[in-house]
PDB file of N, CA and C in Angstrom:
ATOM      1  N   MET A   1     144.366  16.190  72.706  1.00  0.00           N
ATOM      2  CA  MET A   1     143.088  15.672  72.277  1.00  0.00           C
ATOM      3  C   MET A   1     143.086  15.401  70.773  1.00  0.00           C
ATOM      4  N   LEU A   2     143.654  16.321  70.012  1.00  0.00           N
ATOM      5  CA  LEU A   2     143.709  16.135  68.570  1.00  0.00           C
ATOM      6  C   LEU A   2     144.541  14.907  68.220  1.00  0.00           C
ATOM      7  N   ARG A   3     145.556  14.649  69.016  1.00  0.00           N
ATOM      8  CA  ARG A   3     146.379  13.470  68.788  1.00  0.00           C
ATOM      9  C   ARG A   3     145.543  12.195  68.921  1.00  0.00           C
ATOM     10  N   ASN A   4     144.633  12.185  69.899  1.00  0.00           N
ATOM     11  CA  ASN A   4     143.767  11.016  70.087  1.00  0.00           C
ATOM     12  C   ASN A   4     142.834  10.831  68.901  1.00  0.00           C
ATOM     13  N   VAL A   5     142.292  11.929  68.376  1.00  0.00           N
ATOM     14  CA  VAL A   5     141.397  11.851  67.223  1.00  0.00           C
ATOM     15  C   VAL A   5     142.157  11.349  66.002  1.00  0.00           C
ATOM     16  N   LYS A   6     143.356  11.877  65.788  1.00  0.00           N
ATOM     17  CA  LYS A   6     144.174  11.418  64.660  1.00  0.00           C
ATOM     18  C   LYS A   6     144.490   9.931  64.784  1.00  0.00           C
ATOM     19  N   HIS A   7     144.833   9.509  65.982  1.00  0.00           N
ATOM     20  CA  HIS A   7     145.157   8.097  66.195  1.00  0.00           C
ATOM     21  C   HIS A   7     143.930   7.223  65.943  1.00  0.00           C
ATOM     22  N   TYR A   8     142.780   7.665  66.420  1.00  0.00           N
ATOM     23  CA  TYR A   8     141.555   6.894  66.218  1.00  0.00           C
ATOM     24  C   TYR A   8     141.229   6.781  64.731  1.00  0.00           C
ATOM     25  N   LEU A   9     141.311   7.903  64.019  1.00  0.00           N
ATOM     26  CA  LEU A   9     140.992   7.871  62.592  1.00  0.00           C
ATOM     27  C   LEU A   9     142.018   7.068  61.797  1.00  0.00           C
ATOM     28  N   ALA A  10     143.254   7.084  62.236  1.00  0.00           N
ATOM     29  CA  ALA A  10     144.285   6.341  61.523  1.00  0.00           C
ATOM     30  C   ALA A  10     144.085   4.830  61.669  1.00  0.00           C
ATOM     31  N   THR A  11     143.438   4.422  62.735  1.00  0.00           N
ATOM     32  CA  THR A  11     143.237   2.990  62.945  1.00  0.00           C
ATOM     33  C   THR A  11     141.946   2.488  62.323  1.00  0.00           C
ATOM     34  N   GLN A  12     141.101   3.370  61.825  1.00  0.00           N
ATOM     35  CA  GLN A  12     139.829   2.975  61.233  1.00  0.00           C
ATOM     36  C   GLN A  12     139.975   2.747  59.731  1.00  0.00           C
ATOM     37  N   GLU A  13     139.219   1.796  59.221  1.00  0.00           N
ATOM     38  CA  GLU A  13     139.219   1.560  57.783  1.00  0.00           C
ATOM     39  C   GLU A  13     138.407   2.635  57.091  1.00  0.00           C
ATOM     40  N   GLY A  14     138.913   3.120  55.958  1.00  0.00           N
ATOM     41  CA  GLY A  14     138.185   4.122  55.185  1.00  0.00           C
ATOM     42  C   GLY A  14     138.281   5.519  55.762  1.00  0.00           C
ATOM     43  N   ALA A  15     139.197   5.758  56.687  1.00  0.00           N
ATOM     44  CA  ALA A  15     139.321   7.075  57.307  1.00  0.00           C
ATOM     45  C   ALA A  15     139.811   8.114  56.309  1.00  0.00           C
ATOM     46  N   GLU A  16     140.496   7.677  55.264  1.00  0.00           N
ATOM     47  CA  GLU A  16     140.985   8.647  54.281  1.00  0.00           C
ATOM     48  C   GLU A  16     139.836   9.290  53.516  1.00  0.00           C
ATOM     49  N   MET A  17     138.671   8.662  53.541  1.00  0.00           N
ATOM     50  CA  MET A  17     137.503   9.243  52.879  1.00  0.00           C
ATOM     51  C   MET A  17     137.031  10.505  53.584  1.00  0.00           C
ATOM     52  N   TYR A  18     137.256  10.609  54.898  1.00  0.00           N
ATOM     53  CA  TYR A  18     136.846  11.800  55.638  1.00  0.00           C
ATOM     54  C   TYR A  18     137.562  13.038  55.105  1.00  0.00           C
ATOM     55  N   ASP A  19     138.847  12.912  54.828  1.00  0.00           N
ATOM     56  CA  ASP A  19     139.603  14.044  54.285  1.00  0.00           C
ATOM     57  C   ASP A  19     139.014  14.499  52.955  1.00  0.00           C
ATOM     58  N   LEU A  20     138.710  13.539  52.105  1.00  0.00           N
ATOM     59  CA  LEU A  20     138.154  13.856  50.796  1.00  0.00           C
ATOM     60  C   LEU A  20     136.777  14.498  50.925  1.00  0.00           C
ATOM     61  N   VAL A  21     135.929  13.963  51.778  1.00  0.00           N
ATOM     62  CA  VAL A  21     134.574  14.496  51.953  1.00  0.00           C
ATOM     63  C   VAL A  21     134.620  15.918  52.496  1.00  0.00           C
ATOM     64  N   VAL A  22     135.446  16.158  53.483  1.00  0.00           N
ATOM     65  CA  VAL A  22     135.549  17.491  54.074  1.00  0.00           C
ATOM     66  C   VAL A  22     136.083  18.490  53.056  1.00  0.00           C
ATOM     67  N   THR A  23     137.075  18.100  52.286  1.00  0.00           N
ATOM     68  CA  THR A  23     137.637  18.994  51.280  1.00  0.00           C
ATOM     69  C   THR A  23     136.627  19.321  50.196  1.00  0.00           C
ATOM     70  N   VAL A  24     135.920  18.332  49.708  1.00  0.00           N
ATOM     71  CA  VAL A  24     134.898  18.563  48.677  1.00  0.00           C
ATOM     72  C   VAL A  24     133.784  19.437  49.227  1.00  0.00           C
ATOM     73  N   LEU A  25     133.354  19.179  50.441  1.00  0.00           N
ATOM     74  CA  LEU A  25     132.301  19.985  51.059  1.00  0.00           C
ATOM     75  C   LEU A  25     132.739  21.439  51.200  1.00  0.00           C
ATOM     76  N   PHE A  26     133.969  21.662  51.623  1.00  0.00           N
ATOM     77  CA  PHE A  26     134.490  23.021  51.743  1.00  0.00           C
ATOM     78  C   PHE A  26     134.467  23.736  50.399  1.00  0.00           C
ATOM     79  N   PHE A  27     134.948  23.086  49.350  1.00  0.00           N
ATOM     80  CA  PHE A  27     134.994  23.731  48.045  1.00  0.00           C
ATOM     81  C   PHE A  27     133.595  23.979  47.477  1.00  0.00           C
ATOM     82  N   ILE A  28     132.647  23.105  47.759  1.00  0.00           N
ATOM     83  CA  ILE A  28     131.277  23.336  47.299  1.00  0.00           C
ATOM     84  C   ILE A  28     130.690  24.570  47.989  1.00  0.00           C
ATOM     85  N   ILE A  29     130.838  24.652  49.304  1.00  0.00           N
ATOM     86  CA  ILE A  29     130.313  25.810  50.039  1.00  0.00           C
ATOM     87  C   ILE A  29     131.010  27.079  49.595  1.00  0.00           C
ATOM     88  N   PHE A  30     132.325  27.033  49.441  1.00  0.00           N
ATOM     89  CA  PHE A  30     133.089  28.206  49.015  1.00  0.00           C
ATOM     90  C   PHE A  30     132.648  28.659  47.632  1.00  0.00           C
ATOM     91  N   THR A  31     132.457  27.735  46.714  1.00  0.00           N
ATOM     92  CA  THR A  31     132.040  28.070  45.351  1.00  0.00           C
ATOM     93  C   THR A  31     130.637  28.666  45.344  1.00  0.00           C
ATOM     94  N   VAL A  32     129.734  28.097  46.122  1.00  0.00           N
ATOM     95  CA  VAL A  32     128.371  28.640  46.188  1.00  0.00           C
ATOM     96  C   VAL A  32     128.382  30.058  46.746  1.00  0.00           C
ATOM     97  N   MET A  33     129.179  30.305  47.761  1.00  0.00           N
ATOM     98  CA  MET A  33     129.253  31.652  48.332  1.00  0.00           C
ATOM     99  C   MET A  33     129.819  32.651  47.323  1.00  0.00           C
ATOM    100  N   ILE A  34     130.818  32.250  46.562  1.00  0.00           N
ATOM    101  CA  ILE A  34     131.371  33.132  45.527  1.00  0.00           C
ATOM    102  C   ILE A  34     130.306  33.450  44.482  1.00  0.00           C
ATOM    103  N   ILE A  35     129.541  32.456  44.066  1.00  0.00           N
ATOM    104  CA  ILE A  35     128.493  32.674  43.066  1.00  0.00           C
ATOM    105  C   ILE A  35     127.417  33.603  43.611  1.00  0.00           C
ATOM    106  N   VAL A  36     127.006  33.406  44.864  1.00  0.00           N
ATOM    107  CA  VAL A  36     125.982  34.270  45.464  1.00  0.00           C
ATOM    108  C   VAL A  36     126.458  35.716  45.510  1.00  0.00           C
ATOM    109  N   VAL A  37     127.678  35.923  45.920  1.00  0.00           N
ATOM    110  CA  VAL A  37     128.210  37.285  46.017  1.00  0.00           C
ATOM    111  C   VAL A  37     128.372  37.910  44.631  1.00  0.00           C
ATOM    112  N   MET A  38     128.812  37.141  43.663  1.00  0.00           N
ATOM    113  CA  MET A  38     128.999  37.689  42.320  1.00  0.00           C
ATOM    114  C   MET A  38     127.669  38.049  41.659  1.00  0.00           C
ATOM    115  N   ARG A  39     126.605  37.344  41.999  1.00  0.00           N
ATOM    116  CA  ARG A  39     125.296  37.605  41.402  1.00  0.00           C
ATOM    117  C   ARG A  39     124.506  38.668  42.160  1.00  0.00           C
ATOM    118  N   MET A  40     125.013  39.107  43.302  1.00  0.00           N
ATOM    119  CA  MET A  40     124.312  40.089  44.113  1.00  0.00           C
ATOM    120  C   MET A  40     124.297  41.444  43.392  1.00  0.00           C
ATOM    121  N   PRO A  41     123.145  42.126  43.378  1.00  0.00           N
ATOM    122  CA  PRO A  41     123.078  43.424  42.704  1.00  0.00           C
ATOM    123  C   PRO A  41     123.975  44.463  43.385  1.00  0.00           C
ATOM    124  N   LYS A  42     124.490  45.372  42.583  1.00  0.00           N
ATOM    125  CA  LYS A  42     125.389  46.416  43.086  1.00  0.00           C
ATOM    126  C   LYS A  42     124.705  47.272  44.148  1.00  0.00           C
ATOM    127  N   LYS A  43     123.421  47.522  43.972  1.00  0.00           N
ATOM    128  CA  LYS A  43     122.683  48.335  44.940  1.00  0.00           C
ATOM    129  C   LYS A  43     122.673  47.661  46.316  1.00  0.00           C
ATOM    130  N   ARG A  44     122.476  46.362  46.348  1.00  0.00           N
ATOM    131  CA  ARG A  44     122.459  45.621  47.619  1.00  0.00           C
ATOM    132  C   ARG A  44     123.835  45.628  48.277  1.00  0.00           C
ATOM    133  N   ILE A  45     124.876  45.524  47.484  1.00  0.00           N
ATOM    134  CA  ILE A  45     126.239  45.571  48.022  1.00  0.00           C
ATOM    135  C   ILE A  45     126.510  46.929  48.648  1.00  0.00           C
ATOM    136  N   ASP A  46     126.063  47.994  47.991  1.00  0.00           N
ATOM    137  CA  ASP A  46     126.236  49.340  48.547  1.00  0.00           C
ATOM    138  C   ASP A  46     125.457  49.511  49.854  1.00  0.00           C
ATOM    139  N   GLU A  47     124.253  48.940  49.922  1.00  0.00           N
ATOM    140  CA  GLU A  47     123.472  49.010  51.160  1.00  0.00           C
ATOM    141  C   GLU A  47     124.200  48.302  52.297  1.00  0.00           C
ATOM    142  N   LEU A  48     124.716  47.122  52.020  1.00  0.00           N
ATOM    143  CA  LEU A  48     125.435  46.364  53.047  1.00  0.00           C
ATOM    144  C   LEU A  48     126.728  47.060  53.448  1.00  0.00           C
ATOM    145  N   LYS A  49     127.391  47.656  52.474  1.00  0.00           N
ATOM    146  CA  LYS A  49     128.651  48.335  52.746  1.00  0.00           C
ATOM    147  C   LYS A  49     128.441  49.528  53.681  1.00  0.00           C
ATOM    148  N   ASN A  50     127.333  50.245  53.508  1.00  0.00           N
ATOM    149  CA  ASN A  50     127.089  51.446  54.292  1.00  0.00           C
ATOM    150  C   ASN A  50     126.250  51.203  55.542  1.00  0.00           C
ATOM    151  N   MET A  51     125.891  49.975  55.796  1.00  0.00           N
ATOM    152  CA  MET A  51     125.044  49.650  56.926  1.00  0.00           C
ATOM    153  C   MET A  51     125.591  50.137  58.275  1.00  0.00           C
ATOM    154  N   PRO A  52     126.862  49.971  58.580  1.00  0.00           N
ATOM    155  CA  PRO A  52     127.349  50.437  59.886  1.00  0.00           C
ATOM    156  C   PRO A  52     127.231  51.954  60.051  1.00  0.00           C
ATOM    157  N   PHE A  53     127.267  52.694  58.963  1.00  0.00           N
ATOM    158  CA  PHE A  53     127.202  54.142  59.041  1.00  0.00           C
ATOM    159  C   PHE A  53     125.772  54.651  59.113  1.00  0.00           C
ATOM    160  N   ASN A  54     124.805  53.846  58.698  1.00  0.00           N
ATOM    161  CA  ASN A  54     123.418  54.271  58.673  1.00  0.00           C
ATOM    162  C   ASN A  54     122.676  53.976  59.967  1.00  0.00           C
ATOM    163  N   GLU A  55     123.227  53.170  60.831  1.00  0.00           N
ATOM    164  CA  GLU A  55     122.554  52.839  62.083  1.00  0.00           C
ATOM    165  C   GLU A  55     122.621  54.022  63.034  1.00  0.00           C
ATOM    166  N   GLN A  56     121.539  54.174  63.806  1.00  0.00           N
ATOM    167  CA  GLN A  56     121.503  55.264  64.773  1.00  0.00           C
ATOM    168  C   GLN A  56     122.243  54.848  66.030  1.00  0.00           C
ATOM    169  N   THR A  57     122.867  55.800  66.676  1.00  0.00           N
ATOM    170  CA  THR A  57     123.602  55.517  67.904  1.00  0.00           C
ATOM    171  C   THR A  57     122.745  55.754  69.139  1.00  0.00           C
ATOM    172  N   ASP A  58     121.472  56.111  68.956  1.00  0.00           N
ATOM    173  CA  ASP A  58     120.579  56.364  70.086  1.00  0.00           C
ATOM    174  C   ASP A  58     120.348  55.099  70.906  1.00  0.00           C
ATOM    175  N   ASP A  59     120.435  53.944  70.318  1.00  0.00           N
ATOM    176  CA  ASP A  59     120.209  52.698  71.041  1.00  0.00           C
ATOM    177  C   ASP A  59     121.215  52.513  72.160  1.00  0.00           C
ATOM    178  N   TYR A  60     122.439  52.908  71.930  1.00  0.00           N
ATOM    179  CA  TYR A  60     123.466  52.770  72.957  1.00  0.00           C
ATOM    180  C   TYR A  60     123.177  53.694  74.120  1.00  0.00           C
ATOM    181  N   GLU A  61     122.766  54.904  73.835  1.00  0.00           N
ATOM    182  CA  GLU A  61     122.487  55.872  74.881  1.00  0.00           C
ATOM    183  C   GLU A  61     121.282  55.469  75.719  1.00  0.00           C
ATOM    184  N   SER A  62     120.293  54.828  75.109  1.00  0.00           N
ATOM    185  CA  SER A  62     119.084  54.460  75.841  1.00  0.00           C
ATOM    186  C   SER A  62     119.290  53.252  76.750  1.00  0.00           C
ATOM    187  N   THR A  63     120.344  52.468  76.519  1.00  0.00           N
ATOM    188  CA  THR A  63     120.574  51.283  77.349  1.00  0.00           C
ATOM    189  C   THR A  63     121.372  51.581  78.590  1.00  0.00           C
ATOM    190  N   LYS A  64     121.886  52.772  78.728  1.00  0.00           N
ATOM    191  CA  LYS A  64     122.685  53.120  79.921  1.00  0.00           C
ATOM    192  C   LYS A  64     121.820  53.301  81.138  1.00  0.00           C
TER     193      LYS A  64
END
């Protein structure tokens, strides 16, 4: 199936722009995520880090 998509895109004019658009979009999203994480307060990071340990296990027992 991927071979068919590659063949279709190779026969279209301007198909090389798709590679550029996808790459730029990826780097924009990646950069924004890095900035969001770097600006996140240390307290919030600690809360997220310990979240799996703070949840109660009673929910599992009640669903049986």
